[in-house]
Amino acid sequence: MAMYIRVKRMKATYFIQCDRAATVLDFKQKLFTLIEQPVSNQRLILMSTEEVLEDSKSLAEQKVSNILNVSYICNNCSSLKI
């Protein structure tokens, strides 16, 4: 089942459509096409629980649902503030 996830980073907000069965790694690859940051530099945090999402788990396993806020942190970017 498809859903939209809202990703926030500084003043930018992205809405990405994906399937609940997709892994976080799959989702990061979609995000890469928008932000041009390598998947290895991305860390996604589920705002409702402040948990870092694990690449190998599905979005459903980590309770990511439609239009939930996920924050994006660039591991190698010194100027990032969330």
C-alpha atoms as a PDB file:
ATOM      1  CA  MET A   1       0.000   0.000   0.000  1.00  0.00           C
ATOM      2  CA  ALA A   2       1.409   3.373  -1.008  1.00  0.00           C
ATOM      3  CA  MET A   3       1.786   6.260   1.408  1.00  0.00           C
ATOM      4  CA  TYR A   4       3.392   9.684   1.546  1.00  0.00           C
ATOM      5  CA  ILE A   5       6.085  10.506   4.061  1.00  0.00           C
ATOM      6  CA  ARG A   6       6.992  14.072   4.915  1.00  0.00           C
ATOM      7  CA  VAL A   7      10.722  14.652   5.365  1.00  0.00           C
ATOM      8  CA  LYS A   8      11.925  17.886   6.935  1.00  0.00           C
ATOM      9  CA  ARG A   9      15.414  19.325   6.790  1.00  0.00           C
ATOM     10  CA  MET A  10      16.096  22.866   7.913  1.00  0.00           C
ATOM     11  CA  LYS A  11      13.654  24.975   5.869  1.00  0.00           C
ATOM     12  CA  ALA A  12      12.974  22.341   3.205  1.00  0.00           C
ATOM     13  CA  THR A  13      10.105  19.854   3.268  1.00  0.00           C
ATOM     14  CA  TYR A  14       9.804  16.896   0.893  1.00  0.00           C
ATOM     15  CA  PHE A  15       6.851  14.556   0.342  1.00  0.00           C
ATOM     16  CA  ILE A  16       7.896  11.148  -0.903  1.00  0.00           C
ATOM     17  CA  GLN A  17       5.558   8.382  -2.021  1.00  0.00           C
ATOM     18  CA  CYS A  18       6.593   4.862  -1.112  1.00  0.00           C
ATOM     19  CA  ASP A  19       5.239   1.487  -0.117  1.00  0.00           C
ATOM     20  CA  ARG A  20       4.949   0.479   3.554  1.00  0.00           C
ATOM     21  CA  ALA A  21       6.833  -2.738   2.734  1.00  0.00           C
ATOM     22  CA  ALA A  22       9.843  -0.784   1.414  1.00  0.00           C
ATOM     23  CA  THR A  23      12.955  -0.740   3.538  1.00  0.00           C
ATOM     24  CA  VAL A  24      14.395   2.443   4.961  1.00  0.00           C
ATOM     25  CA  LEU A  25      17.312   1.957   2.561  1.00  0.00           C
ATOM     26  CA  ASP A  26      14.852   1.971  -0.374  1.00  0.00           C
ATOM     27  CA  PHE A  27      13.332   5.161   1.003  1.00  0.00           C
ATOM     28  CA  LYS A  28      16.769   6.788   1.388  1.00  0.00           C
ATOM     29  CA  GLN A  29      17.491   6.023  -2.269  1.00  0.00           C
ATOM     30  CA  LYS A  30      14.329   7.904  -3.249  1.00  0.00           C
ATOM     31  CA  LEU A  31      15.364  10.784  -1.006  1.00  0.00           C
ATOM     32  CA  PHE A  32      18.802  10.822  -2.665  1.00  0.00           C
ATOM     33  CA  THR A  33      17.193  11.759  -5.987  1.00  0.00           C
ATOM     34  CA  LEU A  34      15.827  14.920  -4.347  1.00  0.00           C
ATOM     35  CA  ILE A  35      18.623  16.044  -2.034  1.00  0.00           C
ATOM     36  CA  GLU A  36      21.695  14.609  -3.772  1.00  0.00           C
ATOM     37  CA  GLN A  37      23.209  13.375  -0.515  1.00  0.00           C
ATOM     38  CA  PRO A  38      24.556   9.816  -0.603  1.00  0.00           C
ATOM     39  CA  VAL A  39      22.526   7.230   1.271  1.00  0.00           C
ATOM     40  CA  SER A  40      25.514   6.589   3.539  1.00  0.00           C
ATOM     41  CA  ASN A  41      25.331  10.221   4.727  1.00  0.00           C
ATOM     42  CA  GLN A  42      21.620  10.120   5.538  1.00  0.00           C
ATOM     43  CA  ARG A  43      20.177   9.442   8.957  1.00  0.00           C
ATOM     44  CA  LEU A  44      16.402   9.478   9.330  1.00  0.00           C
ATOM     45  CA  ILE A  45      14.704  10.097  12.659  1.00  0.00           C
ATOM     46  CA  LEU A  46      11.050   9.373  13.330  1.00  0.00           C
ATOM     47  CA  MET A  47       9.908  12.538  15.078  1.00  0.00           C
ATOM     48  CA  SER A  48       7.106  10.940  17.115  1.00  0.00           C
ATOM     49  CA  THR A  49       9.542   8.638  18.941  1.00  0.00           C
ATOM     50  CA  GLU A  50      12.911  10.273  18.159  1.00  0.00           C
ATOM     51  CA  GLU A  51      14.174   6.870  16.989  1.00  0.00           C
ATOM     52  CA  VAL A  52      16.778   6.560  14.251  1.00  0.00           C
ATOM     53  CA  LEU A  53      15.329   4.414  11.463  1.00  0.00           C
ATOM     54  CA  GLU A  54      17.307   1.275  10.608  1.00  0.00           C
ATOM     55  CA  ASP A  55      18.177   0.736   6.937  1.00  0.00           C
ATOM     56  CA  SER A  56      17.427  -2.989   6.874  1.00  0.00           C
ATOM     57  CA  LYS A  57      13.924  -2.764   8.369  1.00  0.00           C
ATOM     58  CA  SER A  58      10.746  -1.954   6.490  1.00  0.00           C
ATOM     59  CA  LEU A  59       8.872   1.282   7.060  1.00  0.00           C
ATOM     60  CA  ALA A  60       5.947  -0.738   8.443  1.00  0.00           C
ATOM     61  CA  GLU A  61       8.197  -2.564  10.939  1.00  0.00           C
ATOM     62  CA  GLN A  62       9.345   0.783  12.311  1.00  0.00           C
ATOM     63  CA  LYS A  63       5.788   2.141  12.504  1.00  0.00           C
ATOM     64  CA  VAL A  64       6.271   4.782   9.827  1.00  0.00           C
ATOM     65  CA  SER A  65       2.794   5.609   8.575  1.00  0.00           C
ATOM     66  CA  ASN A  66       1.143   8.022   6.187  1.00  0.00           C
ATOM     67  CA  ILE A  67       2.285  11.663   6.542  1.00  0.00           C
ATOM     68  CA  LEU A  68       4.461  11.131   9.577  1.00  0.00           C
ATOM     69  CA  ASN A  69       7.298  13.544  10.141  1.00  0.00           C
ATOM     70  CA  VAL A  70      10.764  12.203   9.546  1.00  0.00           C
ATOM     71  CA  SER A  71      13.812  14.396  10.041  1.00  0.00           C
ATOM     72  CA  TYR A  72      16.792  14.034   7.759  1.00  0.00           C
ATOM     73  CA  ILE A  73      20.276  14.530   9.156  1.00  0.00           C
ATOM     74  CA  CYS A  74      23.366  14.609   6.997  1.00  0.00           C
ATOM     75  CA  ASN A  75      26.128  12.740   8.838  1.00  0.00           C
ATOM     76  CA  ASN A  76      28.942  14.661   7.133  1.00  0.00           C
ATOM     77  CA  CYS A  77      27.402  18.144   6.919  1.00  0.00           C
ATOM     78  CA  SER A  78      28.709  20.585   9.482  1.00  0.00           C
ATOM     79  CA  SER A  79      26.074  23.265   8.861  1.00  0.00           C
ATOM     80  CA  LEU A  80      22.960  21.156   9.425  1.00  0.00           C
ATOM     81  CA  LYS A  81      20.601  22.263  12.187  1.00  0.00           C
ATOM     82  CA  ILE A  82      17.204  20.712  12.847  1.00  0.00           C
END
